[in-house]
Amino acid sequence: ESSSTMWYLAVDPRIRPLVLIWFL
């Protein structure tokens, strides 16, 4: 929906997280 061509790489989150997900 944002782009059919854009792509990403990410590090193993145990080493360094790209995103944080928060819960109550």
mmCIF file of all heavy atoms, coordinates in Angstrom:
data_MODEL
# 
_entry.id   MODEL 
# 
loop_
_atom_site.group_PDB 
_atom_site.id 
_atom_site.type_symbol 
_atom_site.label_atom_id 
_atom_site.label_alt_id 
_atom_site.label_comp_id 
_atom_site.label_asym_id 
_atom_site.label_entity_id 
_atom_site.label_seq_id 
_atom_site.pdbx_PDB_ins_code 
_atom_site.Cartn_x 
_atom_site.Cartn_y 
_atom_site.Cartn_z 
_atom_site.occupancy 
_atom_site.B_iso_or_equiv 
_atom_site.pdbx_formal_charge 
_atom_site.auth_seq_id 
_atom_site.auth_comp_id 
_atom_site.auth_asym_id 
_atom_site.auth_atom_id 
_atom_site.pdbx_PDB_model_num 
ATOM 1   N N   . GLU A 1 1  ? 0.823  -1.204  0.000  1.00 0.00 ? 1  GLU A N   1 
ATOM 2   C CA  . GLU A 1 1  ? 0.000  0.000   0.000  1.00 0.00 ? 1  GLU A CA  1 
ATOM 3   C C   . GLU A 1 1  ? 0.859  1.258   0.000  1.00 0.00 ? 1  GLU A C   1 
ATOM 4   O O   . GLU A 1 1  ? 0.461  2.293   -0.533 1.00 0.00 ? 1  GLU A O   1 
ATOM 5   C CB  . GLU A 1 1  ? -0.914 0.004   1.235  1.00 0.00 ? 1  GLU A CB  1 
ATOM 6   C CG  . GLU A 1 1  ? -1.954 -1.101  1.233  1.00 0.00 ? 1  GLU A CG  1 
ATOM 7   C CD  . GLU A 1 1  ? -2.866 -1.012  2.439  1.00 0.00 ? 1  GLU A CD  1 
ATOM 8   O OE1 . GLU A 1 1  ? -2.728 -0.046  3.221  1.00 0.00 ? 1  GLU A OE1 1 
ATOM 9   O OE2 . GLU A 1 1  ? -3.727 -1.892  2.602  1.00 0.00 ? 1  GLU A OE2 1 
ATOM 10  N N   . SER A 1 2  ? 2.033  1.164   0.601  1.00 0.00 ? 2  SER A N   1 
ATOM 11  C CA  . SER A 1 2  ? 2.949  2.297   0.626  1.00 0.00 ? 2  SER A CA  1 
ATOM 12  C C   . SER A 1 2  ? 3.822  2.342   -0.620 1.00 0.00 ? 2  SER A C   1 
ATOM 13  O O   . SER A 1 2  ? 3.982  3.384   -1.255 1.00 0.00 ? 2  SER A O   1 
ATOM 14  C CB  . SER A 1 2  ? 3.840  2.221   1.877  1.00 0.00 ? 2  SER A CB  1 
ATOM 15  O OG  . SER A 1 2  ? 4.805  3.245   1.867  1.00 0.00 ? 2  SER A OG  1 
ATOM 16  N N   . SER A 1 3  ? 4.375  1.196   -0.996 1.00 0.00 ? 3  SER A N   1 
ATOM 17  C CA  . SER A 1 3  ? 5.228  1.105   -2.181 1.00 0.00 ? 3  SER A CA  1 
ATOM 18  C C   . SER A 1 3  ? 5.390  -0.361  -2.546 1.00 0.00 ? 3  SER A C   1 
ATOM 19  O O   . SER A 1 3  ? 5.627  -1.198  -1.676 1.00 0.00 ? 3  SER A O   1 
ATOM 20  C CB  . SER A 1 3  ? 6.608  1.726   -1.917 1.00 0.00 ? 3  SER A CB  1 
ATOM 21  O OG  . SER A 1 3  ? 7.507  1.430   -2.975 1.00 0.00 ? 3  SER A OG  1 
ATOM 22  N N   . SER A 1 4  ? 5.282  -0.670  -3.813 1.00 0.00 ? 4  SER A N   1 
ATOM 23  C CA  . SER A 1 4  ? 5.464  -2.051  -4.275 1.00 0.00 ? 4  SER A CA  1 
ATOM 24  C C   . SER A 1 4  ? 6.921  -2.351  -4.589 1.00 0.00 ? 4  SER A C   1 
ATOM 25  O O   . SER A 1 4  ? 7.257  -3.471  -4.991 1.00 0.00 ? 4  SER A O   1 
ATOM 26  C CB  . SER A 1 4  ? 4.606  -2.312  -5.517 1.00 0.00 ? 4  SER A CB  1 
ATOM 27  O OG  . SER A 1 4  ? 5.001  -1.449  -6.579 1.00 0.00 ? 4  SER A OG  1 
ATOM 28  N N   . THR A 1 5  ? 7.805  -1.361  -4.420 1.00 0.00 ? 5  THR A N   1 
ATOM 29  C CA  . THR A 1 5  ? 9.225  -1.545  -4.739 1.00 0.00 ? 5  THR A CA  1 
ATOM 30  C C   . THR A 1 5  ? 10.147 -1.365  -3.535 1.00 0.00 ? 5  THR A C   1 
ATOM 31  O O   . THR A 1 5  ? 11.269 -1.862  -3.524 1.00 0.00 ? 5  THR A O   1 
ATOM 32  C CB  . THR A 1 5  ? 9.677  -0.554  -5.834 1.00 0.00 ? 5  THR A CB  1 
ATOM 33  O OG1 . THR A 1 5  ? 9.520  0.794   -5.354 1.00 0.00 ? 5  THR A OG1 1 
ATOM 34  C CG2 . THR A 1 5  ? 8.855  -0.740  -7.103 1.00 0.00 ? 5  THR A CG2 1 
ATOM 35  N N   . MET A 1 6  ? 9.699  -0.651  -2.503 1.00 0.00 ? 6  MET A N   1 
ATOM 36  C CA  . MET A 1 6  ? 10.561 -0.347  -1.364 1.00 0.00 ? 6  MET A CA  1 
ATOM 37  C C   . MET A 1 6  ? 10.774 -1.586  -0.498 1.00 0.00 ? 6  MET A C   1 
ATOM 38  O O   . MET A 1 6  ? 9.843  -2.322  -0.221 1.00 0.00 ? 6  MET A O   1 
ATOM 39  C CB  . MET A 1 6  ? 9.933  0.777   -0.538 1.00 0.00 ? 6  MET A CB  1 
ATOM 40  C CG  . MET A 1 6  ? 10.851 1.359   0.525  1.00 0.00 ? 6  MET A CG  1 
ATOM 41  S SD  . MET A 1 6  ? 10.058 2.731   1.416  1.00 0.00 ? 6  MET A SD  1 
ATOM 42  C CE  . MET A 1 6  ? 9.858  3.913   0.079  1.00 0.00 ? 6  MET A CE  1 
ATOM 43  N N   . TRP A 1 7  ? 12.005 -1.812  -0.081 1.00 0.00 ? 7  TRP A N   1 
ATOM 44  C CA  . TRP A 1 7  ? 12.315 -2.955  0.763  1.00 0.00 ? 7  TRP A CA  1 
ATOM 45  C C   . TRP A 1 7  ? 13.288 -2.552  1.865  1.00 0.00 ? 7  TRP A C   1 
ATOM 46  O O   . TRP A 1 7  ? 13.931 -1.511  1.804  1.00 0.00 ? 7  TRP A O   1 
ATOM 47  C CB  . TRP A 1 7  ? 12.873 -4.124  -0.051 1.00 0.00 ? 7  TRP A CB  1 
ATOM 48  C CG  . TRP A 1 7  ? 14.037 -3.793  -0.953 1.00 0.00 ? 7  TRP A CG  1 
ATOM 49  C CD1 . TRP A 1 7  ? 13.982 -3.289  -2.220 1.00 0.00 ? 7  TRP A CD1 1 
ATOM 50  C CD2 . TRP A 1 7  ? 15.436 -3.949  -0.647 1.00 0.00 ? 7  TRP A CD2 1 
ATOM 51  N NE1 . TRP A 1 7  ? 15.243 -3.123  -2.739 1.00 0.00 ? 7  TRP A NE1 1 
ATOM 52  C CE2 . TRP A 1 7  ? 16.160 -3.518  -1.794 1.00 0.00 ? 7  TRP A CE2 1 
ATOM 53  C CE3 . TRP A 1 7  ? 16.142 -4.407  0.458  1.00 0.00 ? 7  TRP A CE3 1 
ATOM 54  C CZ2 . TRP A 1 7  ? 17.555 -3.539  -1.849 1.00 0.00 ? 7  TRP A CZ2 1 
ATOM 55  C CZ3 . TRP A 1 7  ? 17.533 -4.434  0.406  1.00 0.00 ? 7  TRP A CZ3 1 
ATOM 56  C CH2 . TRP A 1 7  ? 18.227 -4.005  -0.728 1.00 0.00 ? 7  TRP A CH2 1 
ATOM 57  N N   . TYR A 1 8  ? 13.363 -3.416  2.893  1.00 0.00 ? 8  TYR A N   1 
ATOM 58  C CA  . TYR A 1 8  ? 14.098 -3.083  4.094  1.00 0.00 ? 8  TYR A CA  1 
ATOM 59  C C   . TYR A 1 8  ? 14.951 -4.266  4.553  1.00 0.00 ? 8  TYR A C   1 
ATOM 60  O O   . TYR A 1 8  ? 14.638 -5.430  4.264  1.00 0.00 ? 8  TYR A O   1 
ATOM 61  C CB  . TYR A 1 8  ? 13.142 -2.717  5.240  1.00 0.00 ? 8  TYR A CB  1 
ATOM 62  C CG  . TYR A 1 8  ? 12.095 -1.696  4.902  1.00 0.00 ? 8  TYR A CG  1 
ATOM 63  C CD1 . TYR A 1 8  ? 10.902 -2.067  4.283  1.00 0.00 ? 8  TYR A CD1 1 
ATOM 64  C CD2 . TYR A 1 8  ? 12.275 -0.350  5.208  1.00 0.00 ? 8  TYR A CD2 1 
ATOM 65  C CE1 . TYR A 1 8  ? 9.933  -1.130  3.972  1.00 0.00 ? 8  TYR A CE1 1 
ATOM 66  C CE2 . TYR A 1 8  ? 11.307 0.594   4.918  1.00 0.00 ? 8  TYR A CE2 1 
ATOM 67  C CZ  . TYR A 1 8  ? 10.144 0.195   4.281  1.00 0.00 ? 8  TYR A CZ  1 
ATOM 68  O OH  . TYR A 1 8  ? 9.185  1.133   3.981  1.00 0.00 ? 8  TYR A OH  1 
ATOM 69  N N   . LEU A 1 9  ? 16.001 -3.954  5.292  1.00 0.00 ? 9  LEU A N   1 
ATOM 70  C CA  . LEU A 1 9  ? 16.781 -4.950  6.012  1.00 0.00 ? 9  LEU A CA  1 
ATOM 71  C C   . LEU A 1 9  ? 16.759 -4.579  7.492  1.00 0.00 ? 9  LEU A C   1 
ATOM 72  O O   . LEU A 1 9  ? 16.689 -3.394  7.840  1.00 0.00 ? 9  LEU A O   1 
ATOM 73  C CB  . LEU A 1 9  ? 18.225 -4.991  5.513  1.00 0.00 ? 9  LEU A CB  1 
ATOM 74  C CG  . LEU A 1 9  ? 18.446 -5.404  4.060  1.00 0.00 ? 9  LEU A CG  1 
ATOM 75  C CD1 . LEU A 1 9  ? 19.918 -5.256  3.675  1.00 0.00 ? 9  LEU A CD1 1 
ATOM 76  C CD2 . LEU A 1 9  ? 17.972 -6.830  3.814  1.00 0.00 ? 9  LEU A CD2 1 
ATOM 77  N N   . ALA A 1 10 ? 16.830 -5.581  8.353  1.00 0.00 ? 10 ALA A N   1 
ATOM 78  C CA  . ALA A 1 10 ? 16.815 -5.318  9.793  1.00 0.00 ? 10 ALA A CA  1 
ATOM 79  C C   . ALA A 1 10 ? 17.776 -6.256  10.507 1.00 0.00 ? 10 ALA A C   1 
ATOM 80  O O   . ALA A 1 10 ? 17.997 -7.397  10.084 1.00 0.00 ? 10 ALA A O   1 
ATOM 81  C CB  . ALA A 1 10 ? 15.405 -5.486  10.364 1.00 0.00 ? 10 ALA A CB  1 
ATOM 82  N N   . VAL A 1 11 ? 18.338 -5.759  11.591 1.00 0.00 ? 11 VAL A N   1 
ATOM 83  C CA  . VAL A 1 11 ? 19.223 -6.536  12.443 1.00 0.00 ? 11 VAL A CA  1 
ATOM 84  C C   . VAL A 1 11 ? 18.384 -7.463  13.318 1.00 0.00 ? 11 VAL A C   1 
ATOM 85  O O   . VAL A 1 11 ? 17.204 -7.206  13.581 1.00 0.00 ? 11 VAL A O   1 
ATOM 86  C CB  . VAL A 1 11 ? 20.068 -5.575  13.321 1.00 0.00 ? 11 VAL A CB  1 
ATOM 87  C CG1 . VAL A 1 11 ? 20.928 -6.335  14.325 1.00 0.00 ? 11 VAL A CG1 1 
ATOM 88  C CG2 . VAL A 1 11 ? 20.936 -4.686  12.437 1.00 0.00 ? 11 VAL A CG2 1 
ATOM 89  N N   . ASP A 1 12 ? 18.968 -8.564  13.765 1.00 0.00 ? 12 ASP A N   1 
ATOM 90  C CA  . ASP A 1 12 ? 18.319 -9.401  14.766 1.00 0.00 ? 12 ASP A CA  1 
ATOM 91  C C   . ASP A 1 12 ? 17.944 -8.508  15.949 1.00 0.00 ? 12 ASP A C   1 
ATOM 92  O O   . ASP A 1 12 ? 18.816 -7.855  16.540 1.00 0.00 ? 12 ASP A O   1 
ATOM 93  C CB  . ASP A 1 12 ? 19.290 -10.497 15.217 1.00 0.00 ? 12 ASP A CB  1 
ATOM 94  C CG  . ASP A 1 12 ? 18.668 -11.500 16.172 1.00 0.00 ? 12 ASP A CG  1 
ATOM 95  O OD1 . ASP A 1 12 ? 17.770 -11.113 16.950 1.00 0.00 ? 12 ASP A OD1 1 
ATOM 96  O OD2 . ASP A 1 12 ? 19.094 -12.665 16.170 1.00 0.00 ? 12 ASP A OD2 1 
ATOM 97  N N   . PRO A 1 13 ? 16.668 -8.439  16.332 1.00 0.00 ? 13 PRO A N   1 
ATOM 98  C CA  . PRO A 1 13 ? 16.244 -7.504  17.383 1.00 0.00 ? 13 PRO A CA  1 
ATOM 99  C C   . PRO A 1 13 ? 16.868 -7.797  18.745 1.00 0.00 ? 13 PRO A C   1 
ATOM 100 O O   . PRO A 1 13 ? 16.901 -6.921  19.611 1.00 0.00 ? 13 PRO A O   1 
ATOM 101 C CB  . PRO A 1 13 ? 14.718 -7.671  17.419 1.00 0.00 ? 13 PRO A CB  1 
ATOM 102 C CG  . PRO A 1 13 ? 14.475 -9.028  16.850 1.00 0.00 ? 13 PRO A CG  1 
ATOM 103 C CD  . PRO A 1 13 ? 15.541 -9.224  15.802 1.00 0.00 ? 13 PRO A CD  1 
ATOM 104 N N   . ARG A 1 14 ? 17.361 -9.010  18.945 1.00 0.00 ? 14 ARG A N   1 
ATOM 105 C CA  . ARG A 1 14 ? 18.027 -9.312  20.215 1.00 0.00 ? 14 ARG A CA  1 
ATOM 106 C C   . ARG A 1 14 ? 19.345 -8.551  20.325 1.00 0.00 ? 14 ARG A C   1 
ATOM 107 O O   . ARG A 1 14 ? 19.846 -8.316  21.434 1.00 0.00 ? 14 ARG A O   1 
ATOM 108 C CB  . ARG A 1 14 ? 18.271 -10.815 20.335 1.00 0.00 ? 14 ARG A CB  1 
ATOM 109 C CG  . ARG A 1 14 ? 16.994 -11.645 20.442 1.00 0.00 ? 14 ARG A CG  1 
ATOM 110 C CD  . ARG A 1 14 ? 17.287 -13.116 20.343 1.00 0.00 ? 14 ARG A CD  1 
ATOM 111 N NE  . ARG A 1 14 ? 17.859 -13.466 19.034 1.00 0.00 ? 14 ARG A NE  1 
ATOM 112 C CZ  . ARG A 1 14 ? 18.182 -14.697 18.682 1.00 0.00 ? 14 ARG A CZ  1 
ATOM 113 N NH1 . ARG A 1 14 ? 18.013 -15.689 19.530 1.00 0.00 ? 14 ARG A NH1 1 
ATOM 114 N NH2 . ARG A 1 14 ? 18.701 -14.935 17.485 1.00 0.00 ? 14 ARG A NH2 1 
ATOM 115 N N   . ILE A 1 15 ? 19.894 -8.170  19.178 1.00 0.00 ? 15 ILE A N   1 
ATOM 116 C CA  . ILE A 1 15 ? 21.124 -7.384  19.168 1.00 0.00 ? 15 ILE A CA  1 
ATOM 117 C C   . ILE A 1 15 ? 20.815 -5.896  19.210 1.00 0.00 ? 15 ILE A C   1 
ATOM 118 O O   . ILE A 1 15 ? 21.384 -5.138  20.001 1.00 0.00 ? 15 ILE A O   1 
ATOM 119 C CB  . ILE A 1 15 ? 21.957 -7.722  17.913 1.00 0.00 ? 15 ILE A CB  1 
ATOM 120 C CG1 . ILE A 1 15 ? 22.362 -9.197  17.937 1.00 0.00 ? 15 ILE A CG1 1 
ATOM 121 C CG2 . ILE A 1 15 ? 23.172 -6.811  17.793 1.00 0.00 ? 15 ILE A CG2 1 
ATOM 122 C CD1 . ILE A 1 15 ? 23.045 -9.669  16.682 1.00 0.00 ? 15 ILE A CD1 1 
ATOM 123 N N   . ARG A 1 16 ? 19.860 -5.488  18.362 1.00 0.00 ? 16 ARG A N   1 
ATOM 124 C CA  . ARG A 1 16 ? 19.475 -4.077  18.309 1.00 0.00 ? 16 ARG A CA  1 
ATOM 125 C C   . ARG A 1 16 ? 18.113 -3.997  17.619 1.00 0.00 ? 16 ARG A C   1 
ATOM 126 O O   . ARG A 1 16 ? 17.998 -4.288  16.434 1.00 0.00 ? 16 ARG A O   1 
ATOM 127 C CB  . ARG A 1 16 ? 20.528 -3.280  17.538 1.00 0.00 ? 16 ARG A CB  1 
ATOM 128 C CG  . ARG A 1 16 ? 20.378 -1.760  17.679 1.00 0.00 ? 16 ARG A CG  1 
ATOM 129 C CD  . ARG A 1 16 ? 21.606 -1.078  17.100 1.00 0.00 ? 16 ARG A CD  1 
ATOM 130 N NE  . ARG A 1 16 ? 22.790 -1.318  17.904 1.00 0.00 ? 16 ARG A NE  1 
ATOM 131 C CZ  . ARG A 1 16 ? 23.369 -0.405  18.687 1.00 0.00 ? 16 ARG A CZ  1 
ATOM 132 N NH1 . ARG A 1 16 ? 22.850 0.801   18.775 1.00 0.00 ? 16 ARG A NH1 1 
ATOM 133 N NH2 . ARG A 1 16 ? 24.453 -0.701  19.352 1.00 0.00 ? 16 ARG A NH2 1 
ATOM 134 N N   . PRO A 1 17 ? 17.064 -3.612  18.332 1.00 0.00 ? 17 PRO A N   1 
ATOM 135 C CA  . PRO A 1 17 ? 15.725 -3.598  17.733 1.00 0.00 ? 17 PRO A CA  1 
ATOM 136 C C   . PRO A 1 17 ? 15.492 -2.365  16.865 1.00 0.00 ? 17 PRO A C   1 
ATOM 137 O O   . PRO A 1 17 ? 15.851 -1.252  17.247 1.00 0.00 ? 17 PRO A O   1 
ATOM 138 C CB  . PRO A 1 17 ? 14.793 -3.597  18.948 1.00 0.00 ? 17 PRO A CB  1 
ATOM 139 C CG  . PRO A 1 17 ? 15.589 -2.907  20.010 1.00 0.00 ? 17 PRO A CG  1 
ATOM 140 C CD  . PRO A 1 17 ? 17.026 -3.285  19.768 1.00 0.00 ? 17 PRO A CD  1 
ATOM 141 N N   . LEU A 1 18 ? 14.862 -2.581  15.738 1.00 0.00 ? 18 LEU A N   1 
ATOM 142 C CA  . LEU A 1 18 ? 14.470 -1.477  14.863 1.00 0.00 ? 18 LEU A CA  1 
ATOM 143 C C   . LEU A 1 18 ? 13.190 -0.819  15.368 1.00 0.00 ? 18 LEU A C   1 
ATOM 144 O O   . LEU A 1 18 ? 13.008 0.393   15.233 1.00 0.00 ? 18 LEU A O   1 
ATOM 145 C CB  . LEU A 1 18 ? 14.277 -2.003  13.434 1.00 0.00 ? 18 LEU A CB  1 
ATOM 146 C CG  . LEU A 1 18 ? 13.819 -1.017  12.364 1.00 0.00 ? 18 LEU A CG  1 
ATOM 147 C CD1 . LEU A 1 18 ? 14.774 0.169   12.248 1.00 0.00 ? 18 LEU A CD1 1 
ATOM 148 C CD2 . LEU A 1 18 ? 13.687 -1.735  11.014 1.00 0.00 ? 18 LEU A CD2 1 
ATOM 149 N N   . VAL A 1 19 ? 12.313 -1.608  15.969 1.00 0.00 ? 19 VAL A N   1 
ATOM 150 C CA  . VAL A 1 19 ? 11.007 -1.128  16.425 1.00 0.00 ? 19 VAL A CA  1 
ATOM 151 C C   . VAL A 1 19 ? 10.759 -1.633  17.842 1.00 0.00 ? 19 VAL A C   1 
ATOM 152 O O   . VAL A 1 19 ? 11.190 -2.732  18.215 1.00 0.00 ? 19 VAL A O   1 
ATOM 153 C CB  . VAL A 1 19 ? 9.885  -1.622  15.476 1.00 0.00 ? 19 VAL A CB  1 
ATOM 154 C CG1 . VAL A 1 19 ? 8.504  -1.356  16.054 1.00 0.00 ? 19 VAL A CG1 1 
ATOM 155 C CG2 . VAL A 1 19 ? 10.017 -0.957  14.113 1.00 0.00 ? 19 VAL A CG2 1 
ATOM 156 N N   . LEU A 1 20 ? 10.049 -0.827  18.638 1.00 0.00 ? 20 LEU A N   1 
ATOM 157 C CA  . LEU A 1 20 ? 9.609  -1.233  19.969 1.00 0.00 ? 20 LEU A CA  1 
ATOM 158 C C   . LEU A 1 20 ? 8.089  -1.312  19.979 1.00 0.00 ? 20 LEU A C   1 
ATOM 159 O O   . LEU A 1 20 ? 7.415  -0.390  19.510 1.00 0.00 ? 20 LEU A O   1 
ATOM 160 C CB  . LEU A 1 20 ? 10.076 -0.234  21.030 1.00 0.00 ? 20 LEU A CB  1 
ATOM 161 C CG  . LEU A 1 20 ? 11.580 0.043   21.116 1.00 0.00 ? 20 LEU A CG  1 
ATOM 162 C CD1 . LEU A 1 20 ? 11.852 1.094   22.182 1.00 0.00 ? 20 LEU A CD1 1 
ATOM 163 C CD2 . LEU A 1 20 ? 12.352 -1.226  21.405 1.00 0.00 ? 20 LEU A CD2 1 
ATOM 164 N N   . ILE A 1 21 ? 7.549  -2.413  20.493 1.00 0.00 ? 21 ILE A N   1 
ATOM 165 C CA  . ILE A 1 21 ? 6.102  -2.588  20.609 1.00 0.00 ? 21 ILE A CA  1 
ATOM 166 C C   . ILE A 1 21 ? 5.747  -2.567  22.088 1.00 0.00 ? 21 ILE A C   1 
ATOM 167 O O   . ILE A 1 21 ? 6.288  -3.343  22.887 1.00 0.00 ? 21 ILE A O   1 
ATOM 168 C CB  . ILE A 1 21 ? 5.646  -3.925  19.979 1.00 0.00 ? 21 ILE A CB  1 
ATOM 169 C CG1 . ILE A 1 21 ? 6.077  -3.995  18.519 1.00 0.00 ? 21 ILE A CG1 1 
ATOM 170 C CG2 . ILE A 1 21 ? 4.131  -4.062  20.089 1.00 0.00 ? 21 ILE A CG2 1 
ATOM 171 C CD1 . ILE A 1 21 ? 5.443  -2.939  17.643 1.00 0.00 ? 21 ILE A CD1 1 
ATOM 172 N N   . TRP A 1 22 ? 4.840  -1.666  22.450 1.00 0.00 ? 22 TRP A N   1 
ATOM 173 C CA  . TRP A 1 22 ? 4.512  -1.406  23.846 1.00 0.00 ? 22 TRP A CA  1 
ATOM 174 C C   . TRP A 1 22 ? 3.147  -1.982  24.213 1.00 0.00 ? 22 TRP A C   1 
ATOM 175 O O   . TRP A 1 22 ? 2.187  -1.887  23.434 1.00 0.00 ? 22 TRP A O   1 
ATOM 176 C CB  . TRP A 1 22 ? 4.509  0.099   24.107 1.00 0.00 ? 22 TRP A CB  1 
ATOM 177 C CG  . TRP A 1 22 ? 5.868  0.705   23.974 1.00 0.00 ? 22 TRP A CG  1 
ATOM 178 C CD1 . TRP A 1 22 ? 6.528  1.007   22.814 1.00 0.00 ? 22 TRP A CD1 1 
ATOM 179 C CD2 . TRP A 1 22 ? 6.744  1.081   25.039 1.00 0.00 ? 22 TRP A CD2 1 
ATOM 180 N NE1 . TRP A 1 22 ? 7.763  1.536   23.092 1.00 0.00 ? 22 TRP A NE1 1 
ATOM 181 C CE2 . TRP A 1 22 ? 7.919  1.609   24.455 1.00 0.00 ? 22 TRP A CE2 1 
ATOM 182 C CE3 . TRP A 1 22 ? 6.643  1.033   26.421 1.00 0.00 ? 22 TRP A CE3 1 
ATOM 183 C CZ2 . TRP A 1 22 ? 8.982  2.067   25.207 1.00 0.00 ? 22 TRP A CZ2 1 
ATOM 184 C CZ3 . TRP A 1 22 ? 7.698  1.500   27.183 1.00 0.00 ? 22 TRP A CZ3 1 
ATOM 185 C CH2 . TRP A 1 22 ? 8.863  2.014   26.579 1.00 0.00 ? 22 TRP A CH2 1 
ATOM 186 N N   . PHE A 1 23 ? 3.072  -2.562  25.429 1.00 0.00 ? 23 PHE A N   1 
ATOM 187 C CA  . PHE A 1 23 ? 1.828  -3.094  25.965 1.00 0.00 ? 23 PHE A CA  1 
ATOM 188 C C   . PHE A 1 23 ? 1.626  -2.550  27.373 1.00 0.00 ? 23 PHE A C   1 
ATOM 189 O O   . PHE A 1 23 ? 2.591  -2.201  28.060 1.00 0.00 ? 23 PHE A O   1 
ATOM 190 C CB  . PHE A 1 23 ? 1.861  -4.624  25.997 1.00 0.00 ? 23 PHE A CB  1 
ATOM 191 C CG  . PHE A 1 23 ? 2.007  -5.269  24.651 1.00 0.00 ? 23 PHE A CG  1 
ATOM 192 C CD1 . PHE A 1 23 ? 3.268  -5.604  24.160 1.00 0.00 ? 23 PHE A CD1 1 
ATOM 193 C CD2 . PHE A 1 23 ? 0.904  -5.533  23.865 1.00 0.00 ? 23 PHE A CD2 1 
ATOM 194 C CE1 . PHE A 1 23 ? 3.419  -6.194  22.920 1.00 0.00 ? 23 PHE A CE1 1 
ATOM 195 C CE2 . PHE A 1 23 ? 1.035  -6.122  22.613 1.00 0.00 ? 23 PHE A CE2 1 
ATOM 196 C CZ  . PHE A 1 23 ? 2.292  -6.458  22.150 1.00 0.00 ? 23 PHE A CZ  1 
ATOM 197 N N   . LEU A 1 24 ? 0.381  -2.513  27.801 1.00 0.00 ? 24 LEU A N   1 
ATOM 198 C CA  . LEU A 1 24 ? 0.057  -2.003  29.124 1.00 0.00 ? 24 LEU A CA  1 
ATOM 199 C C   . LEU A 1 24 ? 0.421  -3.030  30.187 1.00 0.00 ? 24 LEU A C   1 
ATOM 200 O O   . LEU A 1 24 ? -0.082 -4.163  30.168 1.00 0.00 ? 24 LEU A O   1 
ATOM 201 C CB  . LEU A 1 24 ? -1.436 -1.665  29.212 1.00 0.00 ? 24 LEU A CB  1 
ATOM 202 C CG  . LEU A 1 24 ? -1.929 -1.089  30.541 1.00 0.00 ? 24 LEU A CG  1 
ATOM 203 C CD1 . LEU A 1 24 ? -1.248 0.243   30.846 1.00 0.00 ? 24 LEU A CD1 1 
ATOM 204 C CD2 . LEU A 1 24 ? -3.452 -0.917  30.513 1.00 0.00 ? 24 LEU A CD2 1 
# 
